């Protein structure tokens, strides 16, 4: 049905296919990351779900490869909860080694010596990209820190760039991870904060057929509502598509504010989805707050006594999570 929706509104492609949108914040962040990567060390990029972290990291990889001053390695593992230090060592080895190097030895001491020697042989700094790193085990991050130090001790430069939700930033700043967080450079992606209307206008302009006007797709009130209520590119794309589909079913054009209002989830900014956007699942909250899973569930459902709810929310607010 979606092709009929596109034709109804004079669109040539889905909003999901629009491409890369860049603000001054994105440009500055890319510039700072490009400067940090060749120096070696642990780097973290944190941003809420849907803010565009993965897309920005892809842009950074492309720019680094094109410039040619840094060798880029990337972990492609998808089950990040199960990713170990050995997995990440293999990711670097696969992207840096040649056929003549053979396989990476399985024994820990030998594998690390071979990997470090390989990085030493490279005539440029090396960077390993790890996305969704908020789910990495703390011991894995400690192991990466040690490899970075050993590479530096032998005259090489290795950076590990971790991308993840704000939980990653908060974890690195906890006292229990001081040995790692104190050495890490942490960047925060604000996404399209303050630029929602500009993003929505750009998004539609990338998708429209010639001679189609934005006013033919969205009413001014509908655009204002989407821009005010939504905060990330993912949210805007998602609810724009839902609104287009609903308007098509109702044979309306342009999309009205009433249609937009009917599609936006009523619990969009409730406690649980807000926490999940920051990387805090029920299990992560239980560990972070040091409380039983049942109490976390009661908190999310609004079933805790008011005094206890306020106590736990204050703990979360102190980490920088806007509730």
Protein backbone atom coordinates (compact mmCIF):
# COMPACT_ATOMS: atom_id res chain seq x y z
CA UNK A 1 0.00 0.00 0.00
CA UNK A 2 2.82 2.42 0.72
CA UNK A 3 3.49 3.13 -2.97
CA UNK A 4 -0.10 4.43 -3.15
CA UNK A 5 0.58 6.63 -0.13
CA UNK A 6 3.66 8.10 -1.82
CA UNK A 7 1.76 8.79 -5.02
CA UNK A 8 -1.13 10.35 -3.08
CA UNK A 9 1.23 12.94 -1.58
CA UNK A 10 3.53 13.43 -4.57
CA UNK A 11 6.51 11.70 -2.98
CA UNK A 12 9.20 9.90 -4.96
CA UNK A 13 10.66 7.91 -2.06
CA UNK A 14 10.08 6.94 1.54
CA UNK A 15 11.35 9.32 4.25
CA UNK A 16 13.53 6.41 5.43
CA UNK A 17 15.55 6.73 2.21
CA UNK A 18 16.27 10.47 2.45
CA UNK A 19 19.99 10.25 3.27
CA UNK A 20 22.25 12.14 5.69
CA UNK A 21 21.18 15.36 7.41
CA UNK A 22 23.91 17.46 8.98
CA UNK A 23 23.70 20.41 11.37
CA UNK A 24 26.51 22.66 12.59
CA UNK A 25 26.63 20.44 15.68
CA UNK A 26 27.26 17.38 13.49
CA UNK A 27 30.00 19.19 11.58
CA UNK A 28 31.74 20.30 14.78
CA UNK A 29 31.46 16.85 16.31
CA UNK A 30 32.92 15.16 13.22
CA UNK A 31 35.77 17.68 13.22
CA UNK A 32 36.57 16.95 16.88
CA UNK A 33 36.35 13.18 16.40
CA UNK A 34 38.64 13.34 13.37
CA UNK A 35 41.17 15.22 15.50
CA UNK A 36 40.90 12.81 18.46
CA UNK A 37 41.12 9.48 16.62
CA UNK A 38 44.77 9.72 15.39
CA UNK A 39 45.99 10.47 18.93
CA UNK A 40 45.13 7.00 20.23
CA UNK A 41 43.06 6.13 23.28
CA UNK A 42 39.51 5.32 24.30
CA UNK A 43 36.82 7.54 22.76
CA UNK A 44 33.07 7.37 23.44
CA UNK A 45 30.20 8.87 21.48
CA UNK A 46 26.90 8.89 23.38
CA UNK A 47 23.42 9.78 22.16
CA UNK A 48 19.84 8.66 22.77
CA UNK A 49 18.10 6.05 20.62
CA UNK A 50 17.38 7.40 17.14
CA UNK A 51 19.61 10.48 17.43
CA UNK A 52 21.80 9.35 14.51
CA UNK A 53 24.89 7.90 16.23
CA UNK A 54 25.34 5.01 13.82
CA UNK A 55 24.90 7.25 10.77
CA UNK A 56 27.42 9.74 12.14
CA UNK A 57 29.92 6.95 12.86
CA UNK A 58 29.52 5.73 9.27
CA UNK A 59 30.22 9.27 8.05
CA UNK A 60 33.32 9.41 10.24
CA UNK A 61 34.56 6.06 8.93
CA UNK A 62 34.11 7.21 5.34
CA UNK A 63 35.98 10.44 6.00
CA UNK A 64 38.85 8.67 7.77
CA UNK A 65 39.20 6.11 4.97
CA UNK A 66 39.10 8.82 2.32
CA UNK A 67 41.74 10.91 4.12
CA UNK A 68 43.95 7.83 4.45
CA UNK A 69 45.76 8.94 7.59
CA UNK A 70 44.14 6.27 9.81
CA UNK A 71 43.46 2.56 9.30
CA UNK A 72 39.86 1.69 10.16
CA UNK A 73 38.67 -1.56 11.74
CA UNK A 74 35.08 -2.30 12.71
CA UNK A 75 33.35 -4.89 14.85
CA UNK A 76 30.41 -6.39 12.93
CA UNK A 77 29.17 -8.57 15.81
CA UNK A 78 25.45 -8.01 16.38
CA UNK A 79 24.89 -9.77 19.73
CA UNK A 80 26.80 -7.15 21.69
CA UNK A 81 25.89 -8.70 25.05
CA UNK A 82 28.02 -11.70 24.10
CA UNK A 83 30.92 -9.76 22.59
CA UNK A 84 34.17 -10.52 24.38
CA UNK A 85 37.65 -9.09 24.14
CA UNK A 86 38.59 -11.99 21.86
CA UNK A 87 35.79 -11.01 19.46
CA UNK A 88 37.10 -7.44 19.24
CA UNK A 89 40.69 -8.61 18.81
CA UNK A 90 39.50 -10.75 15.89
CA UNK A 91 37.67 -7.76 14.38
CA UNK A 92 40.90 -5.76 14.33
CA UNK A 93 42.93 -8.68 13.03
CA UNK A 94 40.51 -9.46 10.18
CA UNK A 95 40.53 -5.83 8.99
CA UNK A 96 44.29 -5.29 9.32
CA UNK A 97 45.92 -8.63 8.46
CA UNK A 98 46.83 -9.95 5.01
CA UNK A 99 46.55 -13.54 3.79
CA UNK A 100 50.25 -14.01 4.58
CA UNK A 101 49.57 -13.33 8.27
CA UNK A 102 47.37 -16.42 8.64
CA UNK A 103 44.90 -16.79 11.49
CA UNK A 104 45.09 -15.09 14.87
CA UNK A 105 46.35 -17.58 17.47
CA UNK A 106 43.76 -18.66 20.02
CA UNK A 107 46.02 -18.53 23.11
CA UNK A 108 45.63 -15.18 24.93
CA UNK A 109 49.29 -14.18 25.39
CA UNK A 110 50.27 -15.21 21.87
CA UNK A 111 47.20 -13.62 20.22
CA UNK A 112 47.87 -10.29 21.90
CA UNK A 113 51.53 -10.31 20.89
CA UNK A 114 50.61 -11.07 17.27
CA UNK A 115 47.91 -8.38 17.20
CA UNK A 116 50.13 -5.72 18.79
CA UNK A 117 52.96 -6.55 16.39
CA UNK A 118 50.52 -6.24 13.49
CA UNK A 119 49.39 -2.79 14.69
CA UNK A 120 53.06 -1.80 15.08
CA UNK A 121 53.70 -2.77 11.46
CA UNK A 122 50.99 -0.42 10.25
CA UNK A 123 52.41 2.90 9.13
CA UNK A 124 49.39 4.77 10.48
CA UNK A 125 47.28 4.94 13.63
CA UNK A 126 44.52 2.32 13.90
CA UNK A 127 40.96 2.88 15.09
CA UNK A 128 38.44 0.19 16.04
CA UNK A 129 34.75 1.14 15.86
CA UNK A 130 32.34 -0.62 18.25
CA UNK A 131 28.67 0.41 18.04
CA UNK A 132 26.02 -0.28 20.73
CA UNK A 133 28.87 -0.34 23.22
CA UNK A 134 26.59 0.54 26.16
CA UNK A 135 25.98 -3.21 26.40
CA UNK A 136 29.65 -4.20 26.53
CA UNK A 137 30.84 -6.02 29.62
CA UNK A 138 33.02 -3.88 31.89
CA UNK A 139 35.84 -6.43 31.75
CA UNK A 140 35.83 -6.22 27.95
CA UNK A 141 36.25 -2.45 28.12
CA UNK A 142 39.09 -2.88 30.61
CA UNK A 143 40.77 -5.32 28.24
CA UNK A 144 40.53 -2.81 25.38
CA UNK A 145 42.14 -0.18 27.60
CA UNK A 146 45.06 -2.51 28.31
CA UNK A 147 45.60 -3.27 24.62
CA UNK A 148 45.61 0.48 23.86
CA UNK A 149 48.28 0.97 26.55
CA UNK A 150 50.45 -1.90 25.30
CA UNK A 151 50.27 -0.66 21.72
CA UNK A 152 51.31 2.82 22.88
CA UNK A 153 54.17 1.34 24.96
CA UNK A 154 55.56 -0.21 21.78
CA UNK A 155 55.35 2.95 19.73
CA UNK A 156 52.02 2.40 17.97
CA UNK A 157 48.72 4.24 18.25
CA UNK A 158 45.37 2.52 18.69
CA UNK A 159 42.04 4.23 19.27
CA UNK A 160 38.85 2.41 20.21
CA UNK A 161 35.71 4.40 19.42
CA UNK A 162 32.69 3.23 21.37
CA UNK A 163 29.26 4.37 20.22
CA UNK A 164 26.29 3.93 22.53
CA UNK A 165 23.34 5.32 24.44
CA UNK A 166 23.87 7.79 27.34
CA UNK A 167 24.25 4.77 29.64
CA UNK A 168 27.72 4.35 28.09
CA UNK A 169 28.70 7.88 29.13
CA UNK A 170 27.22 7.43 32.61
CA UNK A 171 28.98 4.09 33.12
CA UNK A 172 32.35 5.55 32.12
CA UNK A 173 31.88 8.32 34.67
CA UNK A 174 31.07 5.99 37.56
CA UNK A 175 33.69 5.69 40.27
CA UNK A 176 33.94 1.92 39.73
CA UNK A 177 35.21 2.52 36.18
CA UNK A 178 37.52 5.40 37.05
CA UNK A 179 40.57 3.62 35.62
CA UNK A 180 38.86 3.64 32.21
CA UNK A 181 36.59 6.68 32.31
CA UNK A 182 39.39 8.89 33.59
CA UNK A 183 41.35 8.11 30.42
CA UNK A 184 38.43 8.28 27.97
CA UNK A 185 37.37 11.22 25.80
CA UNK A 186 33.58 11.43 25.81
CA UNK A 187 31.52 13.18 23.15
CA UNK A 188 27.76 13.67 23.22
CA UNK A 189 25.55 13.75 20.13
CA UNK A 190 22.63 16.14 20.52
CA UNK A 191 21.11 14.96 17.24
CA UNK A 192 18.71 17.52 15.76
CA UNK A 193 17.95 19.29 19.02
CA UNK A 194 16.50 22.70 18.15
CA UNK A 195 16.53 21.80 14.44
CA UNK A 196 13.44 19.57 14.27
CA UNK A 197 11.53 21.82 11.88
CA UNK A 198 14.58 22.28 9.65
CA UNK A 199 15.05 18.50 9.62
CA UNK A 200 11.41 17.85 8.74
CA UNK A 201 11.54 20.43 5.93
CA UNK A 202 14.74 18.88 4.58
CA UNK A 203 13.30 15.37 4.89
CA UNK A 204 10.26 16.21 2.79
CA UNK A 205 12.34 18.12 0.23
CA UNK A 206 14.49 15.02 -0.29
CA UNK A 207 11.43 12.86 -0.95
CA UNK A 208 9.14 15.09 -3.01
CA UNK A 209 8.56 14.74 -6.72
CA UNK A 210 9.12 17.83 -8.88
CA UNK A 211 6.31 20.40 -8.62
CA UNK A 212 5.16 19.02 -5.25
CA UNK A 213 5.04 21.56 -2.43
CA UNK A 214 5.47 20.86 1.27
CA UNK A 215 2.12 22.56 1.89
CA UNK A 216 0.54 19.80 -0.25
CA UNK A 217 1.85 17.18 2.19
CA UNK A 218 1.70 18.73 5.66
CA UNK A 219 -0.37 21.59 6.97
CA UNK A 220 1.53 24.27 8.86
CA UNK A 221 -0.10 23.11 12.11
CA UNK A 222 0.85 19.48 11.47
CA UNK A 223 4.47 20.45 10.82
CA UNK A 224 4.56 22.50 14.02
CA UNK A 225 3.14 19.61 16.05
CA UNK A 226 5.64 17.08 14.69
CA UNK A 227 8.51 19.52 15.31
CA UNK A 228 7.44 20.30 18.87
CA UNK A 229 6.54 16.82 20.09
CA UNK A 230 9.38 14.77 18.55
CA UNK A 231 13.09 15.02 19.26
CA UNK A 232 15.02 12.57 17.07
CA UNK A 233 15.28 11.83 13.32
CA UNK A 234 13.96 8.32 14.01
CA UNK A 235 10.84 9.64 15.77
CA UNK A 236 10.12 12.18 13.05
CA UNK A 237 10.51 9.63 10.24
CA UNK A 238 8.37 7.08 12.07
CA UNK A 239 5.46 9.34 12.96
CA UNK A 240 5.55 11.18 9.64
CA UNK A 241 5.06 7.85 7.85
CA UNK A 242 2.25 6.86 10.22
CA UNK A 243 0.54 10.22 9.65
CA UNK A 244 0.88 9.91 5.86
CA UNK A 245 -0.64 6.42 5.95
CA UNK A 246 -3.52 7.54 8.16
CA UNK A 247 -4.25 10.58 5.98
CA UNK A 248 -4.27 8.35 2.89
CA UNK A 249 -6.78 6.01 4.53
CA UNK A 250 -8.98 9.02 5.27
CA UNK A 251 -8.45 10.40 1.73
CA UNK A 252 -7.10 13.65 3.19
CA UNK A 253 -4.39 15.90 1.84
CA UNK A 254 -2.49 17.61 3.35
CA UNK A 255 -1.95 15.85 6.67
CA UNK A 256 -3.68 17.79 9.44
CA UNK A 257 -2.61 18.37 13.03
CA UNK A 258 -5.52 16.20 14.18
CA UNK A 259 -4.19 13.26 12.15
CA UNK A 260 -0.69 13.75 13.56
CA UNK A 261 -2.09 13.89 17.10
CA UNK A 262 -3.95 10.62 16.55
CA UNK A 263 -0.79 8.78 15.49
CA UNK A 264 1.66 9.90 18.19
CA UNK A 265 1.85 7.32 20.98
CA UNK A 266 0.25 8.67 24.19
CA UNK A 267 3.08 7.18 26.29
CA UNK A 268 5.82 8.58 24.03
CA UNK A 269 7.54 10.37 26.92
CA UNK A 270 6.52 8.06 29.76
CA UNK A 271 9.17 6.84 32.19
CA UNK A 272 9.91 3.46 30.59
CA UNK A 273 10.40 4.60 26.96
CA UNK A 274 12.44 7.58 28.18
CA UNK A 275 14.78 5.29 30.12
CA UNK A 276 15.09 2.83 27.22
CA UNK A 277 16.11 5.69 24.89
CA UNK A 278 18.99 6.31 27.29
CA UNK A 279 20.01 2.64 27.29
CA UNK A 280 18.39 1.57 30.56
CA UNK A 281 16.40 -1.63 30.22
CA UNK A 282 14.73 -3.17 33.29
CA UNK A 283 17.77 -5.37 33.87
CA UNK A 284 20.21 -2.45 33.49
CA UNK A 285 18.11 -0.37 35.89
CA UNK A 286 18.05 -3.16 38.45
CA UNK A 287 21.86 -3.36 38.38
CA UNK A 288 22.34 0.41 38.27
CA UNK A 289 19.96 1.21 41.14
CA UNK A 290 20.95 -1.95 43.04
CA UNK A 291 17.32 -2.96 43.55
CA UNK A 292 15.28 -6.08 42.82
CA UNK A 293 13.85 -6.49 39.29
CA UNK A 294 10.34 -6.54 40.77
CA UNK A 295 10.84 -3.10 42.29
CA UNK A 296 12.06 -1.75 38.93
CA UNK A 297 8.94 -3.15 37.27
CA UNK A 298 6.76 -1.51 39.91
CA UNK A 299 8.58 1.79 39.36
CA UNK A 300 7.96 1.66 35.60
CA UNK A 301 4.30 0.79 36.12
CA UNK A 302 3.79 3.56 38.69
CA UNK A 303 3.00 1.08 41.46
CA UNK A 304 5.65 2.07 44.02
CA UNK A 305 4.84 4.28 47.01
CA UNK A 306 5.37 7.95 46.17
CA UNK A 307 8.28 8.37 48.59
CA UNK A 308 10.18 5.39 47.13
CA UNK A 309 9.42 6.52 43.57
CA UNK A 310 10.87 9.96 44.28
CA UNK A 311 13.96 8.40 45.88
CA UNK A 312 14.71 6.24 42.83
CA UNK A 313 13.98 9.04 40.37
CA UNK A 314 16.42 11.29 42.22
CA UNK A 315 19.11 8.64 41.76
CA UNK A 316 18.37 8.60 38.03
CA UNK A 317 18.32 12.39 37.76
CA UNK A 318 21.77 12.57 39.34
CA UNK A 319 23.10 10.55 36.38
CA UNK A 320 21.82 13.20 33.97
CA UNK A 321 18.77 11.33 32.66
CA UNK A 322 16.00 13.89 32.02
CA UNK A 323 12.81 12.34 33.42
